[in-house]
Every structure is written in structure tokens, then in C-alpha cells.
Protein backbone atom coordinates (compact mmCIF):
# COMPACT_ATOMS: atom_id res chain seq x y z
CA MET A 1 -4.19 2.92 -3.88
CA MET A 2 -3.25 0.28 -1.34
CA ALA A 3 -3.22 2.61 1.66
CA ALA A 4 -6.48 4.26 0.60
CA LEU A 5 -8.26 0.93 0.20
CA LEU A 6 -6.92 -0.35 3.51
CA GLN A 7 -8.03 2.86 5.24
CA LYS A 8 -11.51 2.33 3.81
CA GLU A 9 -11.51 -1.27 5.09
CA LEU A 10 -10.27 -0.41 8.59
CA GLY A 11 -11.96 2.95 9.05
CA ASN A 12 -10.70 5.79 11.23
CA GLU A 13 -9.71 3.48 14.07
CA PHE A 14 -6.37 2.98 12.29
CA GLN A 15 -4.03 5.51 10.70
CA MET A 16 -2.45 4.67 7.34
CA GLU A 17 0.74 6.02 5.87
CA SER A 18 1.82 5.53 2.29
CA ALA A 19 5.43 5.44 1.16
CA GLY A 20 7.42 3.93 -1.66
CA TRP A 21 10.86 2.49 -2.12
CA PHE A 22 11.99 4.86 -4.89
CA ARG A 23 13.24 8.24 -3.75
CA ASN A 24 13.04 9.79 -7.21
CA GLN A 25 9.22 9.74 -7.04
CA VAL A 26 8.97 11.83 -3.85
CA GLY A 27 6.41 14.60 -4.24
CA GLU A 28 4.81 13.09 -7.33
CA PRO A 29 1.00 12.96 -7.36
CA ALA A 30 -0.99 9.78 -7.77
CA SER A 31 -1.35 8.87 -11.42
CA GLU A 32 -4.48 9.85 -13.29
CA ASN A 33 -5.45 6.18 -13.58
CA ALA A 34 -4.98 5.57 -9.86
CA VAL A 35 -7.12 8.61 -9.04
CA PHE A 36 -9.80 7.38 -11.46
CA PHE A 37 -10.01 3.83 -10.10
CA MET A 38 -10.10 5.03 -6.52
CA ARG A 39 -12.78 7.60 -7.35
CA VAL A 40 -14.89 4.74 -8.81
CA ARG A 41 -14.63 3.18 -5.33
CA GLY A 42 -15.66 6.40 -3.59
CA ILE A 43 -12.12 7.29 -2.50
CA ASP A 44 -10.39 10.59 -3.31
CA ILE A 45 -6.59 10.32 -3.63
CA SER A 46 -6.21 13.39 -5.84
CA GLU A 47 -4.16 15.18 -3.16
CA HIS A 48 -1.78 12.26 -2.60
CA LYS A 49 1.96 12.96 -2.89
CA ALA A 50 4.53 10.17 -2.99
CA ARG A 51 6.88 9.79 -0.03
CA TRP A 52 10.08 7.83 0.47
CA ILE A 53 9.89 5.01 2.98
CA ARG A 54 13.26 5.89 4.48
CA ASP A 55 11.77 9.19 5.63
CA LEU A 56 9.53 7.24 8.01
CA ASP A 57 10.39 5.76 11.39
CA LEU A 58 9.47 2.17 10.57
CA LYS A 59 9.67 0.97 14.16
CA ALA A 60 6.76 3.29 14.98
CA PHE A 61 4.35 1.11 12.99
CA SER A 62 2.58 -2.00 14.25
CA HIS A 63 2.04 -3.28 10.70
CA ILE A 64 3.69 -2.61 7.35
CA VAL A 65 1.98 -3.86 4.21
CA CYS A 66 4.22 -4.48 1.21
CA VAL A 67 3.31 -5.06 -2.43
CA ASN A 68 5.56 -8.08 -2.96
CA PRO A 69 7.98 -10.45 -1.20
CA ASP A 70 11.08 -8.48 -2.28
CA MET A 71 9.78 -5.30 -0.64
CA ALA A 72 8.87 -7.26 2.49
CA TYR A 73 12.41 -8.64 2.64
CA ASN A 74 13.86 -5.12 2.26
CA ILE A 75 11.58 -3.77 4.99
CA ARG A 76 12.39 -6.61 7.38
CA SER A 77 16.11 -6.02 6.74
CA ASN A 78 15.72 -2.38 7.76
CA LEU A 79 13.55 -2.87 10.84
CA GLU A 80 15.19 -2.44 14.21
CA ASN A 81 12.53 -4.37 16.11
CA ASP A 82 10.59 -7.60 16.00
CA GLN A 83 7.26 -6.09 17.05
CA THR A 84 6.29 -4.74 13.63
CA MET A 85 4.33 -7.24 11.55
CA VAL A 86 5.31 -7.14 7.87
CA LEU A 87 2.55 -8.35 5.56
CA ILE A 88 2.43 -8.91 1.81
CA ALA A 89 -0.66 -7.86 -0.15
CA GLY A 90 -1.80 -10.57 -2.51
CA VAL A 91 0.80 -12.98 -1.17
CA GLU A 92 -1.04 -15.97 -2.64
CA VAL A 93 -0.42 -14.60 -6.17
CA GLY A 94 3.11 -13.32 -5.55
CA GLY A 95 2.12 -9.80 -4.55
CA VAL A 96 0.59 -6.85 -6.35
CA PRO A 97 2.00 -5.92 -9.76
CA ASP A 98 3.00 -2.28 -10.10
CA PRO A 99 0.75 -0.57 -12.67
CA TYR A 100 2.84 2.64 -12.69
CA GLY A 101 3.40 3.85 -16.23
CA LYS A 102 1.14 1.20 -17.69
CA GLY A 103 -2.29 1.59 -19.18
CA ARG A 104 -5.75 1.71 -17.71
CA ASP A 105 -6.17 -2.07 -17.82
CA ALA A 106 -3.14 -2.54 -15.55
CA TYR A 107 -4.61 -0.09 -13.03
CA ARG A 108 -8.02 -1.78 -13.18
CA GLU A 109 -6.45 -5.18 -12.52
CA CYS A 110 -4.31 -3.76 -9.72
CA ALA A 111 -7.27 -2.05 -8.04
CA ASN A 112 -9.35 -5.24 -8.29
CA LEU A 113 -6.54 -7.29 -6.74
CA LEU A 114 -6.09 -4.68 -4.01
CA ASP A 115 -9.82 -4.76 -3.19
CA LYS A 116 -9.53 -8.43 -2.26
CA ALA A 117 -6.08 -8.19 -0.71
CA MET A 118 -6.93 -5.22 1.55
CA HIS A 119 -10.05 -7.01 2.81
CA GLU A 120 -7.81 -9.94 3.82
CA ILE A 121 -5.06 -7.68 5.26
CA ALA A 122 -7.64 -5.72 7.28
CA ALA A 123 -8.84 -8.98 8.85
CA ILE A 124 -5.27 -9.90 9.82
CA ILE A 125 -4.67 -6.45 11.33
CA ARG A 126 -7.92 -6.49 13.30
CA ASN A 127 -7.08 -9.92 14.73
CA SER A 128 -3.47 -9.22 15.70
């Protein structure tokens, strides 16, 4: 959801990649609730498949957006350069809670938080 919302904020001028920290979810589709709440926002993530972040060359990215401070710390620990800016979505509230495996209300709250957070992250990216 985060990458899709950020792509919508930034448009085609920027390319988004989505990857998670847990290898056991590789190849899994977006949850039904995630697909629903993105569809409500005019975004289709029905073809999304989870990827593992360690399959990406992190130094190739100018910005990496994490869902919480722990993930940001892990990413920074694995970066081989200082040029990549690591950002935290919803940093002012401690990050974005993971709705995975939770009910529709958790996904609604997550999507609403991401709407605001991705607007703010997009502004940071545009100005850096």
C-alpha cells in the first residue's frame, strides 16, 4: 500500500519498488483488504507480489521509505553508502502499524495513516 500511495503522490517521474523484511512472504499477493482500500483510492494493487528486500541492490536507490524506526535502523545497517536517504513513514506517531493478518479496521486505519504520511514523504523526496 505504501509504495502504491507514494507512486500516486509522486507520479511517473519516480519509480517505486516494494519489498519487505520477511523472506517467507515472497511471492504472496497483496491481502484482500489491502487491495480493497487501495481500489477505493483508485489504485490497483491486485497484481502485487511480495518481494524480499535483500533481493534488491539497496545502494541503487536514492530514497528508502520504512514503516517504522526498527526497519530504518536495519536498512541503514545494511547500506553500503551514505547517499541513500532513509525515511520513516509516520515518524511522528512511531511509524505505520502493520495491518497484515488483522481485520478491515486495521487496514482502513493503516491506509488513512499512509495517505497523510506519503503526502509528507513525497514532499521530502521532491525537495531533496
